């Protein structure tokens, strides 16, 4: 059965080995989602820092010495000239000159997009956590069932995860 493009699995019909494989798969997917959440947080922090720098720029007089970022770890000395326009990195190596207000609006749009993406990824991660919890519960139930069946038949030999 398909539900939104996702196949529903009857966990009780799976063997303990299949449940363990499913658990590992869900854990890997969850790790990937958590990595994506962290990357989005880093992006959000960078955009916030950029917007704060634009705010500080308004109160900076022309000719003020500053360090200009060339890369994330390389800065060169410079000084402010005209304060009514800034160069904005719009992605994939392209830069556009914009007014400070346009640059702030651009950053606001990017921050809103990242926030939306972060919410979607967090919702997916929560769904995966729920799936993982259900899988572990079924695994525990099957282990208890095997132990109960094994202790009456063999005198106490049980299966462990």
Protein backbone atom coordinates (compact mmCIF):
# COMPACT_ATOMS: atom_id res chain seq x y z
CA UNK A 1 0.00 0.00 0.00
CA UNK A 2 1.23 3.45 -0.84
CA UNK A 3 0.58 6.43 1.40
CA UNK A 4 1.97 9.63 -0.05
CA UNK A 5 4.61 7.67 -1.94
CA UNK A 6 5.68 5.77 1.17
CA UNK A 7 5.06 2.08 1.58
CA UNK A 8 3.43 0.94 4.81
CA UNK A 9 5.02 -2.09 6.40
CA UNK A 10 3.32 -4.47 8.83
CA UNK A 11 6.06 -4.64 11.45
CA UNK A 12 4.55 -7.69 13.17
CA UNK A 13 4.95 -9.69 9.95
CA UNK A 14 8.72 -9.07 9.83
CA UNK A 15 11.33 -11.33 11.36
CA UNK A 16 13.64 -10.04 14.09
CA UNK A 17 16.49 -9.85 11.55
CA UNK A 18 14.34 -7.82 9.13
CA UNK A 19 13.27 -5.53 11.97
CA UNK A 20 16.92 -4.99 12.91
CA UNK A 21 17.76 -4.10 9.29
CA UNK A 22 14.79 -1.71 9.19
CA UNK A 23 15.93 -0.15 12.48
CA UNK A 24 19.43 0.39 11.10
CA UNK A 25 18.02 1.91 7.91
CA UNK A 26 15.80 4.31 9.87
CA UNK A 27 18.75 5.28 12.12
CA UNK A 28 20.87 6.09 9.03
CA UNK A 29 18.07 8.20 7.54
CA UNK A 30 17.63 9.96 10.87
CA UNK A 31 21.36 10.75 11.02
CA UNK A 32 21.15 12.24 7.52
CA UNK A 33 18.19 14.39 8.53
CA UNK A 34 19.98 15.55 11.68
CA UNK A 35 22.99 16.51 9.54
CA UNK A 36 20.70 18.50 7.25
CA UNK A 37 19.19 20.28 10.27
CA UNK A 38 22.68 21.22 11.46
CA UNK A 39 23.62 22.54 8.01
CA UNK A 40 20.46 24.63 7.90
CA UNK A 41 21.24 26.04 11.35
CA UNK A 42 24.75 27.00 10.17
CA UNK A 43 23.25 28.70 7.10
CA UNK A 44 20.70 30.52 9.23
CA UNK A 45 23.48 31.74 11.58
CA UNK A 46 25.55 33.01 8.63
CA UNK A 47 22.58 34.92 7.25
CA UNK A 48 21.82 36.37 10.68
CA UNK A 49 25.45 37.50 11.00
CA UNK A 50 25.28 39.07 7.54
CA UNK A 51 22.11 40.96 8.41
CA UNK A 52 23.69 42.20 11.66
CA UNK A 53 26.72 43.39 9.66
CA UNK A 54 24.38 45.34 7.37
CA UNK A 55 22.75 46.94 10.41
CA UNK A 56 26.17 47.98 11.76
CA UNK A 57 27.13 49.34 8.35
CA UNK A 58 24.47 52.06 8.65
CA UNK A 59 26.29 53.60 11.61
CA UNK A 60 29.77 53.27 10.06
CA UNK A 61 31.35 56.44 8.63
CA UNK A 62 33.00 56.39 5.20
CA UNK A 63 36.71 55.61 5.25
CA UNK A 64 36.47 53.27 8.24
CA UNK A 65 39.12 50.52 8.04
CA UNK A 66 37.73 46.99 7.93
CA UNK A 67 38.61 43.43 7.02
CA UNK A 68 36.91 42.26 3.83
CA UNK A 69 36.13 38.52 3.66
CA UNK A 70 37.48 36.92 0.48
CA UNK A 71 36.71 33.36 1.65
CA UNK A 72 35.51 31.91 4.93
CA UNK A 73 39.07 32.06 6.28
CA UNK A 74 40.81 34.77 4.22
CA UNK A 75 40.31 38.47 4.94
CA UNK A 76 42.05 41.44 3.33
CA UNK A 77 42.28 44.97 4.71
CA UNK A 78 39.99 47.55 3.17
CA UNK A 79 37.94 50.57 4.04
CA UNK A 80 34.35 51.59 3.57
CA UNK A 81 33.64 53.84 0.61
CA UNK A 82 30.05 54.29 -0.43
CA UNK A 83 27.65 52.98 2.19
CA UNK A 84 24.47 52.99 0.13
CA UNK A 85 25.25 49.78 -1.84
CA UNK A 86 26.73 46.40 -0.97
CA UNK A 87 27.78 43.34 -2.94
CA UNK A 88 25.54 40.32 -2.23
CA UNK A 89 26.48 36.68 -2.87
CA UNK A 90 23.41 35.23 -4.59
CA UNK A 91 24.90 31.74 -4.91
CA UNK A 92 27.01 29.61 -7.23
CA UNK A 93 29.71 32.26 -7.45
CA UNK A 94 27.46 35.12 -8.58
CA UNK A 95 27.43 38.49 -6.85
CA UNK A 96 25.05 41.41 -7.33
CA UNK A 97 25.32 45.01 -6.20
CA UNK A 98 22.23 45.96 -4.18
CA UNK A 99 21.14 48.78 -1.94
CA UNK A 100 21.40 48.04 1.77
CA UNK A 101 17.61 47.80 2.02
CA UNK A 102 17.44 45.40 -0.95
CA UNK A 103 20.22 43.31 0.59
CA UNK A 104 18.32 43.12 3.89
CA UNK A 105 15.16 42.07 2.05
CA UNK A 106 17.15 39.42 0.15
CA UNK A 107 18.57 38.08 3.43
CA UNK A 108 15.10 38.06 4.98
CA UNK A 109 13.76 35.99 2.06
CA UNK A 110 16.66 33.53 2.31
CA UNK A 111 16.19 33.23 6.07
CA UNK A 112 12.46 32.56 5.60
CA UNK A 113 13.25 29.88 3.01
CA UNK A 114 15.80 28.23 5.29
CA UNK A 115 13.36 28.37 8.22
CA UNK A 116 10.70 26.68 6.08
CA UNK A 117 13.15 23.99 4.98
CA UNK A 118 14.29 23.46 8.58
CA UNK A 119 10.68 22.96 9.69
CA UNK A 120 10.11 20.41 6.91
CA UNK A 121 13.28 18.50 7.78
CA UNK A 122 12.43 18.58 11.50
CA UNK A 123 8.96 17.19 10.73
CA UNK A 124 10.53 14.40 8.67
CA UNK A 125 13.00 13.67 11.48
CA UNK A 126 10.16 13.50 14.01
CA UNK A 127 8.31 11.07 11.73
CA UNK A 128 11.45 8.90 11.48
CA UNK A 129 11.91 9.00 15.28
CA UNK A 130 8.33 7.77 15.64
CA UNK A 131 8.99 4.97 13.12
CA UNK A 132 12.17 4.03 14.97
CA UNK A 133 10.35 3.92 18.29
CA UNK A 134 7.61 1.69 16.84
CA UNK A 135 10.21 -0.62 15.30
CA UNK A 136 12.11 -0.95 18.59
CA UNK A 137 8.86 -1.65 20.45
CA UNK A 138 7.95 -4.44 18.03
CA UNK A 139 11.50 -5.84 18.27
CA UNK A 140 11.27 -5.86 22.08
CA UNK A 141 7.87 -7.55 21.93
CA UNK A 142 9.22 -10.23 19.59
CA UNK A 143 12.25 -10.82 21.84
CA UNK A 144 9.97 -11.16 24.88
CA UNK A 145 7.76 -13.53 22.91
CA UNK A 146 10.79 -15.62 21.90
CA UNK A 147 12.05 -15.70 25.49
CA UNK A 148 8.64 -16.74 26.79
CA UNK A 149 8.39 -19.44 24.15
CA UNK A 150 12.03 -20.47 24.62
CA UNK A 151 11.93 -20.65 28.43
CA UNK A 152 8.94 -23.01 28.44
CA UNK A 153 10.41 -25.21 25.71
CA UNK A 154 14.12 -25.18 26.49
CA UNK A 155 14.31 -24.08 30.08
CA UNK A 156 15.40 -20.46 29.80
CA UNK A 157 17.42 -19.96 26.61
CA UNK A 158 16.44 -16.60 25.12
CA UNK A 159 17.35 -14.37 22.22
CA UNK A 160 19.13 -11.06 22.66
CA UNK A 161 19.29 -8.05 20.38
